[in-house]
């Protein structure tokens, strides 16, 4: 019996497979269930390999969407998303999404087609060396020189994508090499780092942070996307509850405490960060979203927590840096806060202000104007979102308003473009979210400007039978550009779109459900019909172009 098993293993080790099948075998070993792509001849052997290995192929209408879908899969599942982009323009079309993943720290693996190696330099179709221009946007970028190298390079790409700080990796495959055969390295297991197993920050820095926290009367937590990638939301919640520390979040960390939690706040962030004597900045860079550190008070002591030292220096001095396992570091801090002074007066101060500001929003949430106020649209939508709903923001003005009032109850359920701010990400994110979480509502919030980037992906939703509900805030302008430009110059240029464009009819033509909303009384019934339609839907809401979103300062 042992001899037979040994012979079987030896036979399997000696099995020869074409390069595309070798790629697919490694994808399967890493737990990949689907590959996002747009049909390209350079990828045929990879498609054949995926078909043989049972990996689903999800085809889209633009390579940008395939790459954003890979990033969206990572954002929703915390597992690497994978896309395949054909040679030349396929890869360049995906570069904005790769750059987005780098700045969002989204683990993804991009597979590229490539002109054949034996013809290199002779002018093959779509011949270009991708690696030099992709490498600055990735953690790892390489091209195999032989078919036998393919499995190890795929493994290295996954390892790089998953090693903190997480991010995108890239491997392209010369056409001739993926059609050639080589021995399969058998069932080499895929190694997967676990961020929860990383040790905490060094003891000396932890001791200093604990000292600051024990003496803090007005501490706050400002959590960002890095908390999510570190799987540290439970440790953060324990820390906040034991120390009675108010929490705020941006990016994928939104929902790390549910909206019903008495330590979760959103409307009082500017006040709290300025008044705090100690701030725990967890997985959130001190970038424009935090005023390059200016969002905090001049005397606020900053404790920065992350799984890796940032590449760029902090724009203001910080008091303690804690780099290591984020979950383990937060747990170590939680042991110190139990001895801290009571913070109920501080929590009560923020809760009173939070309630006042929510009350002040009621007029806009109930605004009866036509065209509609964006907050009226978003307030109605919030009432229809179920627990666990995934909300995706793709736009400027409309999504900025959504960021104020839409609440999610789990981290990884609010997906916005992030610091790279690339429009057109939404349909790819929504596609990946609905495939990964088919039993959840997936709601895509689009500005009318953003619709123009990837609106044809509703065809993708229809072809794959995905009942994604989109709400388009249609004000006929590029609002985040038009209003500031008029403030600065007294006029605006290249900031107007066609008023009242019937994006709903576009979606209907593509096979989905579309509705136009012109008055507030039409809104709730239209949203309810969209969620009940059982197919991709777009509610096209005409919004008031005169409404000005309070512009965020310190963008540059």
Protein backbone atom coordinates (compact mmCIF):
# COMPACT_ATOMS: atom_id res chain seq x y z
CA UNK A 1 0.00 0.00 0.00
CA UNK A 2 2.79 2.43 0.93
CA UNK A 3 4.56 1.58 -2.33
CA UNK A 4 1.42 2.37 -4.35
CA UNK A 5 1.00 5.74 -2.59
CA UNK A 6 4.63 6.58 -3.27
CA UNK A 7 4.26 5.67 -6.93
CA UNK A 8 1.11 7.81 -7.22
CA UNK A 9 2.88 10.78 -5.66
CA UNK A 10 5.86 10.33 -7.95
CA UNK A 11 3.61 10.15 -11.00
CA UNK A 12 1.79 13.27 -9.95
CA UNK A 13 5.06 15.12 -9.35
CA UNK A 14 6.18 14.17 -12.86
CA UNK A 15 2.94 15.39 -14.50
CA UNK A 16 3.61 17.89 -17.25
CA UNK A 17 1.19 20.79 -17.74
CA UNK A 18 1.09 23.85 -19.94
CA UNK A 19 1.98 27.18 -18.33
CA UNK A 20 -1.60 28.39 -18.03
CA UNK A 21 -2.53 25.25 -16.11
CA UNK A 22 0.47 25.78 -13.84
CA UNK A 23 -0.79 29.30 -13.11
CA UNK A 24 -4.25 28.00 -12.32
CA UNK A 25 -2.89 25.25 -10.05
CA UNK A 26 -1.10 27.85 -7.93
CA UNK A 27 -4.18 30.08 -7.84
CA UNK A 28 -6.21 27.15 -6.58
CA UNK A 29 -3.55 26.36 -3.97
CA UNK A 30 -3.94 29.91 -2.67
CA UNK A 31 -7.69 29.52 -2.36
CA UNK A 32 -8.67 31.57 -5.42
CA UNK A 33 -12.19 30.78 -6.60
CA UNK A 34 -12.65 33.36 -9.37
CA UNK A 35 -10.59 35.35 -11.82
CA UNK A 36 -11.72 38.75 -13.12
CA UNK A 37 -10.79 39.45 -16.72
CA UNK A 38 -11.64 40.81 -20.15
CA UNK A 39 -11.13 38.40 -23.00
CA UNK A 40 -7.66 38.58 -24.53
CA UNK A 41 -5.76 36.19 -26.77
CA UNK A 42 -2.61 36.38 -24.67
CA UNK A 43 -4.59 34.86 -21.79
CA UNK A 44 -6.13 31.83 -23.50
CA UNK A 45 -3.91 29.27 -21.81
CA UNK A 46 -4.62 30.78 -18.37
CA UNK A 47 -8.35 30.61 -19.13
CA UNK A 48 -7.96 26.96 -20.13
CA UNK A 49 -6.07 26.28 -16.91
CA UNK A 50 -8.73 27.96 -14.79
CA UNK A 51 -11.47 26.02 -16.54
CA UNK A 52 -9.65 22.76 -15.83
CA UNK A 53 -9.06 23.68 -12.17
CA UNK A 54 -12.61 24.86 -11.49
CA UNK A 55 -11.80 28.57 -11.11
CA UNK A 56 -14.67 30.76 -12.31
CA UNK A 57 -13.93 33.33 -15.03
CA UNK A 58 -15.80 36.61 -14.53
CA UNK A 59 -15.61 38.77 -17.64
CA UNK A 60 -16.20 42.52 -17.69
CA UNK A 61 -16.37 45.30 -20.29
CA UNK A 62 -13.15 47.18 -19.44
CA UNK A 63 -9.88 46.00 -17.88
CA UNK A 64 -10.10 48.82 -15.34
CA UNK A 65 -13.17 47.08 -13.92
CA UNK A 66 -11.44 43.69 -13.84
CA UNK A 67 -8.63 45.17 -11.76
CA UNK A 68 -11.00 47.12 -9.52
CA UNK A 69 -13.00 43.92 -9.02
CA UNK A 70 -9.84 42.17 -7.84
CA UNK A 71 -9.26 45.02 -5.38
CA UNK A 72 -12.93 44.94 -4.37
CA UNK A 73 -12.70 41.22 -3.63
CA UNK A 74 -9.76 41.95 -1.34
CA UNK A 75 -11.63 44.75 0.39
CA UNK A 76 -14.70 42.63 1.07
CA UNK A 77 -13.01 39.34 2.01
CA UNK A 78 -9.51 40.31 3.23
CA UNK A 79 -8.26 37.64 0.82
CA UNK A 80 -6.21 38.44 -2.29
CA UNK A 81 -8.24 39.32 -5.36
CA UNK A 82 -6.92 38.19 -8.75
CA UNK A 83 -7.39 39.58 -12.22
CA UNK A 84 -5.90 38.76 -15.61
CA UNK A 85 -5.22 41.59 -18.08
CA UNK A 86 -4.18 41.01 -21.65
CA UNK A 87 -0.91 42.37 -22.98
CA UNK A 88 -0.23 46.05 -23.65
CA UNK A 89 -3.43 48.11 -23.37
CA UNK A 90 -5.01 45.51 -21.11
CA UNK A 91 -2.32 46.09 -18.52
CA UNK A 92 -2.21 49.87 -18.96
CA UNK A 93 -6.01 50.02 -18.65
CA UNK A 94 -5.69 48.38 -15.25
CA UNK A 95 -3.01 50.66 -13.88
CA UNK A 96 -5.33 53.10 -12.09
CA UNK A 97 -6.80 50.22 -10.12
CA UNK A 98 -3.32 48.91 -9.32
CA UNK A 99 -2.33 52.36 -8.03
CA UNK A 100 -5.54 52.47 -6.00
CA UNK A 101 -4.74 49.10 -4.44
CA UNK A 102 -1.25 50.30 -3.52
CA UNK A 103 -2.58 53.35 -1.68
CA UNK A 104 -5.42 51.35 -0.11
CA UNK A 105 -3.04 48.52 0.80
CA UNK A 106 -5.38 46.05 -0.89
CA UNK A 107 -3.77 42.63 -1.43
CA UNK A 108 -4.27 41.64 -5.05
CA UNK A 109 -2.40 39.70 -7.71
CA UNK A 110 -2.48 40.96 -11.29
CA UNK A 111 -1.67 38.48 -14.04
CA UNK A 112 -0.64 39.99 -17.34
CA UNK A 113 -0.45 38.67 -20.84
CA UNK A 114 2.78 39.38 -22.69
CA UNK A 115 4.06 39.15 -26.23
CA UNK A 116 6.04 35.95 -26.94
CA UNK A 117 9.61 35.84 -25.67
CA UNK A 118 11.02 34.20 -28.81
CA UNK A 119 9.78 37.17 -30.88
CA UNK A 120 10.69 39.86 -28.34
CA UNK A 121 11.85 43.07 -29.93
CA UNK A 122 10.46 42.23 -33.37
CA UNK A 123 7.18 44.10 -33.01
CA UNK A 124 4.62 41.51 -31.96
CA UNK A 125 1.05 42.62 -31.35
CA UNK A 126 0.79 44.64 -28.11
CA UNK A 127 4.47 44.14 -27.35
CA UNK A 128 5.65 46.30 -24.45
CA UNK A 129 7.66 45.63 -21.32
CA UNK A 130 5.13 46.11 -18.53
CA UNK A 131 7.42 45.56 -15.56
CA UNK A 132 9.29 48.92 -15.59
CA UNK A 133 6.10 50.97 -15.38
CA UNK A 134 4.12 48.56 -13.22
CA UNK A 135 6.88 48.02 -10.66
CA UNK A 136 6.53 51.44 -8.94
CA UNK A 137 2.86 50.65 -8.28
CA UNK A 138 3.36 47.16 -6.91
CA UNK A 139 5.20 45.28 -4.19
CA UNK A 140 6.48 42.71 -6.64
CA UNK A 141 6.63 42.66 -10.44
CA UNK A 142 8.31 39.98 -12.56
CA UNK A 143 8.31 38.02 -15.83
CA UNK A 144 9.25 34.32 -15.95
CA UNK A 145 12.09 33.38 -18.24
CA UNK A 146 11.01 29.74 -18.49
CA UNK A 147 7.77 27.82 -18.08
CA UNK A 148 9.25 26.04 -15.07
CA UNK A 149 9.56 29.37 -13.22
CA UNK A 150 5.86 30.13 -13.40
CA UNK A 151 4.67 28.43 -10.18
CA UNK A 152 7.32 29.99 -7.96
CA UNK A 153 6.71 33.48 -9.34
CA UNK A 154 2.97 33.15 -8.70
CA UNK A 155 3.76 32.08 -5.13
CA UNK A 156 6.12 35.03 -4.68
CA UNK A 157 3.42 37.39 -5.93
CA UNK A 158 0.95 36.13 -3.33
CA UNK A 159 3.56 36.29 -0.57
CA UNK A 160 4.39 39.90 -1.43
CA UNK A 161 0.74 40.90 -1.65
CA UNK A 162 -0.01 39.46 1.79
CA UNK A 163 3.10 40.58 3.68
CA UNK A 164 2.50 43.81 5.66
CA UNK A 165 2.12 46.38 4.36
CA UNK A 166 -0.21 44.48 2.04
CA UNK A 167 -0.71 45.59 -1.55
CA UNK A 168 -0.73 44.60 -5.24
CA UNK A 169 1.67 42.27 -7.05
CA UNK A 170 2.17 41.63 -10.77
CA UNK A 171 3.40 38.79 -12.95
CA UNK A 172 3.14 38.73 -16.72
CA UNK A 173 3.53 35.64 -18.87
CA UNK A 174 5.08 35.53 -22.35
CA UNK A 175 2.64 33.93 -24.77
CA UNK A 176 4.99 31.17 -25.84
CA UNK A 177 5.92 30.19 -22.26
CA UNK A 178 2.32 29.70 -21.10
CA UNK A 179 1.63 27.40 -24.05
CA UNK A 180 4.75 25.33 -23.37
CA UNK A 181 4.76 22.53 -20.81
CA UNK A 182 6.74 21.91 -17.65
CA UNK A 183 6.54 19.62 -14.67
CA UNK A 184 3.93 20.47 -12.07
CA UNK A 185 5.58 20.96 -8.64
CA UNK A 186 2.78 18.80 -7.22
CA UNK A 187 0.85 19.85 -4.13
CA UNK A 188 3.21 22.39 -2.64
CA UNK A 189 1.05 24.03 0.04
CA UNK A 190 0.49 27.77 -0.13
CA UNK A 191 1.83 29.66 2.86
CA UNK A 192 -0.44 32.39 4.16
CA UNK A 193 0.79 34.90 6.79
CA UNK A 194 -1.71 35.59 9.57
CA UNK A 195 -1.63 39.24 10.71
CA UNK A 196 -3.24 38.24 14.01
CA UNK A 197 -0.18 36.12 14.82
CA UNK A 198 2.29 39.00 14.57
CA UNK A 199 3.90 39.99 17.89
CA UNK A 200 3.11 43.39 19.46
CA UNK A 201 5.26 46.48 19.23
CA UNK A 202 8.42 46.70 21.32
CA UNK A 203 8.05 46.81 25.09
CA UNK A 204 9.68 50.20 25.61
CA UNK A 205 7.33 51.95 23.19
CA UNK A 206 4.35 50.09 24.64
CA UNK A 207 5.29 51.22 28.14
CA UNK A 208 5.39 54.85 27.02
CA UNK A 209 2.01 54.52 25.27
CA UNK A 210 0.46 52.87 28.33
CA UNK A 211 1.75 55.73 30.50
CA UNK A 212 0.09 58.29 28.22
CA UNK A 213 -3.19 56.38 28.13
CA UNK A 214 -3.36 55.89 31.90
CA UNK A 215 -3.09 59.64 32.39
CA UNK A 216 -5.45 60.63 29.57
CA UNK A 217 -8.72 62.35 30.45
CA UNK A 218 -9.91 62.91 26.87
CA UNK A 219 -8.51 60.06 24.75
CA UNK A 220 -9.84 59.18 21.30
CA UNK A 221 -9.28 56.46 18.73
CA UNK A 222 -8.96 57.36 15.05
CA UNK A 223 -8.98 54.08 13.10
CA UNK A 224 -8.32 53.59 9.42
CA UNK A 225 -8.06 50.94 6.75
CA UNK A 226 -4.90 49.43 8.26
CA UNK A 227 -6.98 48.25 11.22
CA UNK A 228 -9.11 46.22 8.83
CA UNK A 229 -6.20 44.57 7.04
CA UNK A 230 -4.76 43.64 10.44
CA UNK A 231 -8.00 41.86 11.50
CA UNK A 232 -7.84 43.97 14.65
CA UNK A 233 -11.40 45.26 15.07
CA UNK A 234 -12.20 42.94 18.00
CA UNK A 235 -9.05 44.01 19.84
CA UNK A 236 -9.93 47.65 19.21
CA UNK A 237 -13.44 47.20 20.54
CA UNK A 238 -12.08 45.56 23.69
CA UNK A 239 -9.65 48.44 24.19
CA UNK A 240 -12.36 51.08 23.73
CA UNK A 241 -14.79 49.34 26.06
CA UNK A 242 -12.28 48.70 28.82
CA UNK A 243 -10.92 52.23 28.66
CA UNK A 244 -14.20 54.00 27.74
CA UNK A 245 -12.46 55.59 24.75
CA UNK A 246 -14.57 57.21 21.99
CA UNK A 247 -13.85 55.90 18.50
CA UNK A 248 -13.91 57.37 15.00
CA UNK A 249 -13.02 55.67 11.74
CA UNK A 250 -12.52 56.20 8.05
CA UNK A 251 -12.07 53.89 5.08
CA UNK A 252 -12.54 50.17 5.60
CA UNK A 253 -12.48 50.60 9.39
CA UNK A 254 -15.94 52.19 9.32
CA UNK A 255 -18.17 49.82 11.27
CA UNK A 256 -15.38 48.59 13.58
CA UNK A 257 -17.85 49.58 16.29
CA UNK A 258 -21.50 49.32 15.23
CA UNK A 259 -23.49 52.57 14.95
CA UNK A 260 -25.51 51.60 18.03
CA UNK A 261 -22.42 51.40 20.25
CA UNK A 262 -22.22 54.15 22.86
CA UNK A 263 -18.53 54.74 22.07
CA UNK A 264 -19.01 55.12 18.31
CA UNK A 265 -19.15 58.67 16.97
CA UNK A 266 -19.07 60.25 13.52
CA UNK A 267 -20.50 63.79 13.52
CA UNK A 268 -18.16 65.06 16.26
CA UNK A 269 -14.84 64.01 14.80
CA UNK A 270 -13.38 67.49 14.25
CA UNK A 271 -14.33 68.57 17.78
CA UNK A 272 -13.06 65.38 19.43
CA UNK A 273 -9.73 65.24 17.63
CA UNK A 274 -8.98 68.86 18.46
CA UNK A 275 -9.97 68.47 22.13
CA UNK A 276 -8.27 65.10 22.73
CA UNK A 277 -5.30 65.00 25.06
CA UNK A 278 -4.21 61.59 23.69
CA UNK A 279 -5.12 60.13 20.30
CA UNK A 280 -4.58 56.54 19.22
CA UNK A 281 -4.17 56.66 15.43
CA UNK A 282 -4.65 53.06 14.35
CA UNK A 283 -3.93 52.10 10.75
CA UNK A 284 -4.75 55.60 9.54
CA UNK A 285 -2.04 57.65 7.81
CA UNK A 286 -1.71 61.31 8.69
CA UNK A 287 -2.65 62.33 5.15
CA UNK A 288 -5.10 64.90 3.75
CA UNK A 289 -8.04 63.13 5.41
CA UNK A 290 -6.56 64.09 8.79
CA UNK A 291 -5.30 67.49 7.68
CA UNK A 292 -1.74 66.13 7.55
CA UNK A 293 -1.94 65.83 11.32
CA UNK A 294 -3.60 69.22 11.74
CA UNK A 295 -6.94 67.62 12.54
CA UNK A 296 -5.60 66.98 16.03
CA UNK A 297 -5.01 69.67 18.62
CA UNK A 298 -1.57 71.23 18.90
CA UNK A 299 -1.12 69.69 22.34
CA UNK A 300 -2.66 66.29 21.49
CA UNK A 301 -0.27 63.44 22.18
CA UNK A 302 -0.28 61.11 19.16
CA UNK A 303 0.24 57.36 19.46
CA UNK A 304 0.57 55.90 15.96
CA UNK A 305 -0.13 52.18 15.57
CA UNK A 306 0.51 50.12 12.45
CA UNK A 307 1.85 46.81 11.22
CA UNK A 308 4.78 48.44 9.41
CA UNK A 309 6.66 51.71 9.49
CA UNK A 310 5.29 54.07 6.82
CA UNK A 311 7.49 54.86 3.84
CA UNK A 312 7.11 58.61 4.25
CA UNK A 313 7.78 60.62 7.41
CA UNK A 314 4.89 61.85 9.52
CA UNK A 315 3.91 65.43 8.64
CA UNK A 316 3.90 66.35 12.34
CA UNK A 317 5.70 65.05 15.37
CA UNK A 318 4.22 61.98 17.03
CA UNK A 319 4.86 60.95 20.61
CA UNK A 320 4.90 57.16 20.32
CA UNK A 321 5.19 54.82 17.33
CA UNK A 322 3.98 51.26 17.78
CA UNK A 323 4.83 48.99 14.85
CA UNK A 324 4.09 45.28 15.00
CA UNK A 325 1.01 43.12 15.18
CA UNK A 326 -1.86 45.61 15.46
CA UNK A 327 -4.24 43.23 17.24
CA UNK A 328 -1.54 42.17 19.72
CA UNK A 329 -0.51 45.78 20.30
CA UNK A 330 -4.09 46.88 20.99
CA UNK A 331 -4.58 43.97 23.38
CA UNK A 332 -1.44 44.99 25.28
CA UNK A 333 -2.74 48.54 25.55
CA UNK A 334 -6.13 47.29 26.75
CA UNK A 335 -4.48 45.84 29.82
CA UNK A 336 -3.24 49.32 30.72
CA UNK A 337 -6.42 51.33 30.26
CA UNK A 338 -8.34 49.51 32.97
CA UNK A 339 -6.40 51.57 35.54
CA UNK A 340 -7.09 54.86 33.77
CA UNK A 341 -9.32 57.60 35.25
CA UNK A 342 -13.04 57.50 34.40
CA UNK A 343 -13.91 59.13 31.07
CA UNK A 344 -17.69 59.34 31.37
CA UNK A 345 -17.71 63.14 31.36
CA UNK A 346 -15.73 63.15 28.10
CA UNK A 347 -17.96 60.52 26.52
CA UNK A 348 -21.07 62.43 27.62
CA UNK A 349 -19.73 65.67 26.14
CA UNK A 350 -19.25 64.03 22.75
CA UNK A 351 -22.59 62.26 22.92
CA UNK A 352 -24.45 65.52 23.56
CA UNK A 353 -22.71 67.16 20.63
CA UNK A 354 -23.26 64.12 18.42
CA UNK A 355 -26.98 64.18 19.17
CA UNK A 356 -27.18 67.92 18.50
CA UNK A 357 -25.52 67.57 15.13
CA UNK A 358 -27.68 64.65 14.12
CA UNK A 359 -30.73 66.66 15.09
CA UNK A 360 -29.48 69.57 12.97
CA UNK A 361 -29.41 67.27 9.93
CA UNK A 362 -33.09 66.46 10.15
CA UNK A 363 -34.18 69.40 8.04
CA UNK A 364 -31.96 68.31 5.14
CA UNK A 365 -32.90 64.65 5.55
CA UNK A 366 -36.56 65.67 5.20
CA UNK A 367 -36.01 68.41 2.61
CA UNK A 368 -38.92 68.47 0.12
CA UNK A 369 -37.18 70.38 -2.65
CA UNK A 370 -37.18 69.16 -6.23
CA UNK A 371 -34.63 68.43 -7.63
CA UNK A 372 -33.75 66.61 -4.42
CA UNK A 373 -31.22 67.42 -1.72
CA UNK A 374 -28.59 64.62 -1.66
CA UNK A 375 -29.15 64.07 2.06
CA UNK A 376 -32.85 63.41 1.44
CA UNK A 377 -31.85 60.66 -0.99
CA UNK A 378 -29.31 59.10 1.34
CA UNK A 379 -31.50 59.34 4.42
CA UNK A 380 -34.27 57.38 2.67
CA UNK A 381 -31.76 54.82 1.43
CA UNK A 382 -30.31 54.28 4.93
CA UNK A 383 -33.72 53.13 6.14
CA UNK A 384 -33.79 50.35 3.54
CA UNK A 385 -30.31 48.96 4.18
CA UNK A 386 -30.28 45.64 6.00
CA UNK A 387 -27.70 44.55 8.58
CA UNK A 388 -24.53 43.54 6.77
CA UNK A 389 -25.34 45.55 3.65
CA UNK A 390 -22.28 46.50 1.61
CA UNK A 391 -22.31 50.10 0.41
CA UNK A 392 -19.96 51.28 -2.31
CA UNK A 393 -19.24 54.92 -3.03
CA UNK A 394 -18.07 55.98 -6.49
CA UNK A 395 -18.16 59.72 -6.96
CA UNK A 396 -17.27 63.06 -5.48
CA UNK A 397 -20.06 65.28 -4.20
CA UNK A 398 -22.77 62.62 -3.82
CA UNK A 399 -20.40 60.19 -2.10
CA UNK A 400 -19.09 62.94 0.18
CA UNK A 401 -22.63 63.46 1.46
CA UNK A 402 -23.01 59.67 1.78
CA UNK A 403 -19.90 59.52 3.92
CA UNK A 404 -21.62 61.84 6.39
CA UNK A 405 -24.84 59.89 6.91
CA UNK A 406 -24.58 56.31 5.63
CA UNK A 407 -23.68 53.93 8.43
CA UNK A 408 -22.55 50.30 8.28
CA UNK A 409 -22.40 47.84 11.13
CA UNK A 410 -19.29 45.86 10.15
CA UNK A 411 -15.84 46.82 8.90
CA UNK A 412 -15.36 46.13 5.21
CA UNK A 413 -18.93 47.09 4.38
CA UNK A 414 -18.17 50.67 3.29
CA UNK A 415 -16.02 50.74 0.16
CA UNK A 416 -14.95 54.09 -1.22
CA UNK A 417 -12.11 54.97 -3.62
CA UNK A 418 -9.73 55.76 -0.76
CA UNK A 419 -6.87 58.26 -0.88
CA UNK A 420 -6.18 57.71 -4.58
CA UNK A 421 -9.71 58.94 -5.31
CA UNK A 422 -10.13 57.17 -8.65
CA UNK A 423 -13.63 57.34 -10.11
CA UNK A 424 -14.90 54.28 -11.94
CA UNK A 425 -13.97 51.92 -9.10
CA UNK A 426 -17.57 51.33 -8.02
CA UNK A 427 -18.88 48.80 -10.54
CA UNK A 428 -15.82 46.58 -10.07
CA UNK A 429 -16.14 46.78 -6.29
CA UNK A 430 -19.86 46.01 -6.51
CA UNK A 431 -19.30 43.08 -8.86
CA UNK A 432 -16.78 41.50 -6.51
CA UNK A 433 -18.85 42.24 -3.42
CA UNK A 434 -21.99 40.57 -4.75
CA UNK A 435 -20.09 37.50 -5.94
CA UNK A 436 -18.29 37.15 -2.61
CA UNK A 437 -21.37 37.93 -0.48
CA UNK A 438 -24.37 36.86 -2.59
CA UNK A 439 -26.81 36.89 0.33
CA UNK A 440 -26.15 40.52 1.25
CA UNK A 441 -27.52 43.73 -0.18
CA UNK A 442 -24.93 45.45 -2.36
CA UNK A 443 -25.71 49.09 -2.97
CA UNK A 444 -23.62 51.19 -5.36
CA UNK A 445 -23.74 54.97 -4.90
CA UNK A 446 -22.80 56.77 -8.11
CA UNK A 447 -22.35 60.36 -9.04
CA UNK A 448 -23.48 61.11 -12.57
CA UNK A 449 -19.87 61.93 -13.40
CA UNK A 450 -18.72 58.56 -12.09
CA UNK A 451 -21.38 56.76 -14.14
CA UNK A 452 -19.54 57.83 -17.27
CA UNK A 453 -16.42 55.90 -16.30
CA UNK A 454 -17.86 52.40 -16.06
CA UNK A 455 -21.63 52.60 -16.50
CA UNK A 456 -21.59 49.94 -19.20
CA UNK A 457 -20.66 47.40 -16.52
CA UNK A 458 -24.39 47.12 -15.83
CA UNK A 459 -24.19 44.80 -18.83
CA UNK A 460 -21.72 42.74 -16.78
CA UNK A 461 -24.12 42.67 -13.83
CA UNK A 462 -26.95 41.52 -16.10
CA UNK A 463 -24.89 38.82 -17.84
CA UNK A 464 -23.79 37.38 -14.51
CA UNK A 465 -27.25 37.69 -12.92
CA UNK A 466 -26.24 39.97 -10.05
CA UNK A 467 -29.04 42.02 -8.44
CA UNK A 468 -26.90 45.01 -7.50
CA UNK A 469 -28.84 48.18 -6.67
CA UNK A 470 -27.32 51.49 -7.71
CA UNK A 471 -28.45 54.98 -6.78
CA UNK A 472 -27.23 57.79 -9.01
CA UNK A 473 -27.11 61.30 -7.57
CA UNK A 474 -27.61 63.17 -10.84
CA UNK A 475 -26.98 66.91 -10.48
CA UNK A 476 -25.61 67.50 -13.97
CA UNK A 477 -22.29 68.96 -12.81
CA UNK A 478 -18.87 68.05 -11.44
CA UNK A 479 -19.92 69.58 -8.13
CA UNK A 480 -16.69 69.21 -6.15
CA UNK A 481 -14.94 71.15 -8.91
CA UNK A 482 -17.62 73.56 -10.08
CA UNK A 483 -18.49 75.13 -6.73
CA UNK A 484 -14.91 75.72 -5.52
CA UNK A 485 -13.85 77.09 -8.89
CA UNK A 486 -16.72 79.55 -8.88
CA UNK A 487 -15.76 80.56 -5.35
CA UNK A 488 -12.15 81.20 -6.38
CA UNK A 489 -12.60 82.68 -9.87
CA UNK A 490 -16.22 83.70 -10.08
CA UNK A 491 -16.76 81.27 -12.96
CA UNK A 492 -16.25 77.61 -13.80
CA UNK A 493 -15.15 75.74 -16.89
CA UNK A 494 -15.27 72.04 -17.87
CA UNK A 495 -17.47 71.39 -14.84
CA UNK A 496 -20.89 70.90 -16.45
CA UNK A 497 -22.61 67.74 -17.63
CA UNK A 498 -25.90 67.38 -19.47
CA UNK A 499 -28.72 68.03 -16.97
CA UNK A 500 -31.19 65.22 -16.41
CA UNK A 501 -29.43 62.54 -18.46
CA UNK A 502 -31.48 59.34 -18.42
CA UNK A 503 -28.94 56.92 -17.04
CA UNK A 504 -31.88 54.78 -15.95
CA UNK A 505 -32.79 54.21 -19.61
CA UNK A 506 -29.21 53.16 -20.33
CA UNK A 507 -29.51 50.50 -17.62
CA UNK A 508 -32.88 49.39 -18.97
CA UNK A 509 -31.36 49.05 -22.44
CA UNK A 510 -28.66 46.83 -20.97
CA UNK A 511 -31.27 44.52 -19.46
CA UNK A 512 -31.58 45.96 -15.96
CA UNK A 513 -34.26 47.81 -14.01
CA UNK A 514 -34.19 51.60 -14.21
CA UNK A 515 -36.24 54.37 -12.60
CA UNK A 516 -36.15 58.15 -12.73
CA UNK A 517 -36.89 60.14 -9.56
CA UNK A 518 -37.71 63.83 -9.96
CA UNK A 519 -39.63 64.51 -6.72
CA UNK A 520 -39.21 63.38 -3.10
CA UNK A 521 -42.51 61.50 -3.05
CA UNK A 522 -41.22 59.24 -5.84
CA UNK A 523 -38.04 58.28 -4.02
CA UNK A 524 -38.99 55.67 -1.43
CA UNK A 525 -41.23 53.64 -3.78
CA UNK A 526 -38.53 53.67 -6.45
CA UNK A 527 -35.88 52.45 -4.02
CA UNK A 528 -38.17 49.70 -2.75
CA UNK A 529 -38.92 48.53 -6.30
CA UNK A 530 -35.19 48.52 -7.12
CA UNK A 531 -34.36 46.27 -4.16
CA UNK A 532 -37.27 43.99 -5.03
CA UNK A 533 -36.50 43.81 -8.76
CA UNK A 534 -34.26 40.76 -8.52
CA UNK A 535 -31.93 42.09 -11.19
CA UNK A 536 -29.43 44.94 -11.57
CA UNK A 537 -31.17 48.23 -10.93
CA UNK A 538 -30.42 51.94 -11.12
CA UNK A 539 -32.47 54.64 -9.42
CA UNK A 540 -31.56 57.86 -11.22
CA UNK A 541 -32.31 60.73 -8.83
CA UNK A 542 -32.24 64.31 -10.07
CA UNK A 543 -30.43 66.28 -7.37
CA UNK A 544 -30.20 70.02 -6.80
CA UNK A 545 -26.96 71.32 -8.38
CA UNK A 546 -26.97 74.39 -6.12
CA UNK A 547 -26.34 72.34 -2.97
CA UNK A 548 -22.74 72.87 -1.89
CA UNK A 549 -20.88 70.25 0.09
CA UNK A 550 -18.65 71.84 2.76
CA UNK A 551 -15.28 71.57 1.09
CA UNK A 552 -12.57 69.74 3.01
CA UNK A 553 -9.53 71.86 3.60
CA UNK A 554 -5.87 70.84 3.32
CA UNK A 555 -6.17 68.73 0.18
CA UNK A 556 -2.70 69.72 -0.94
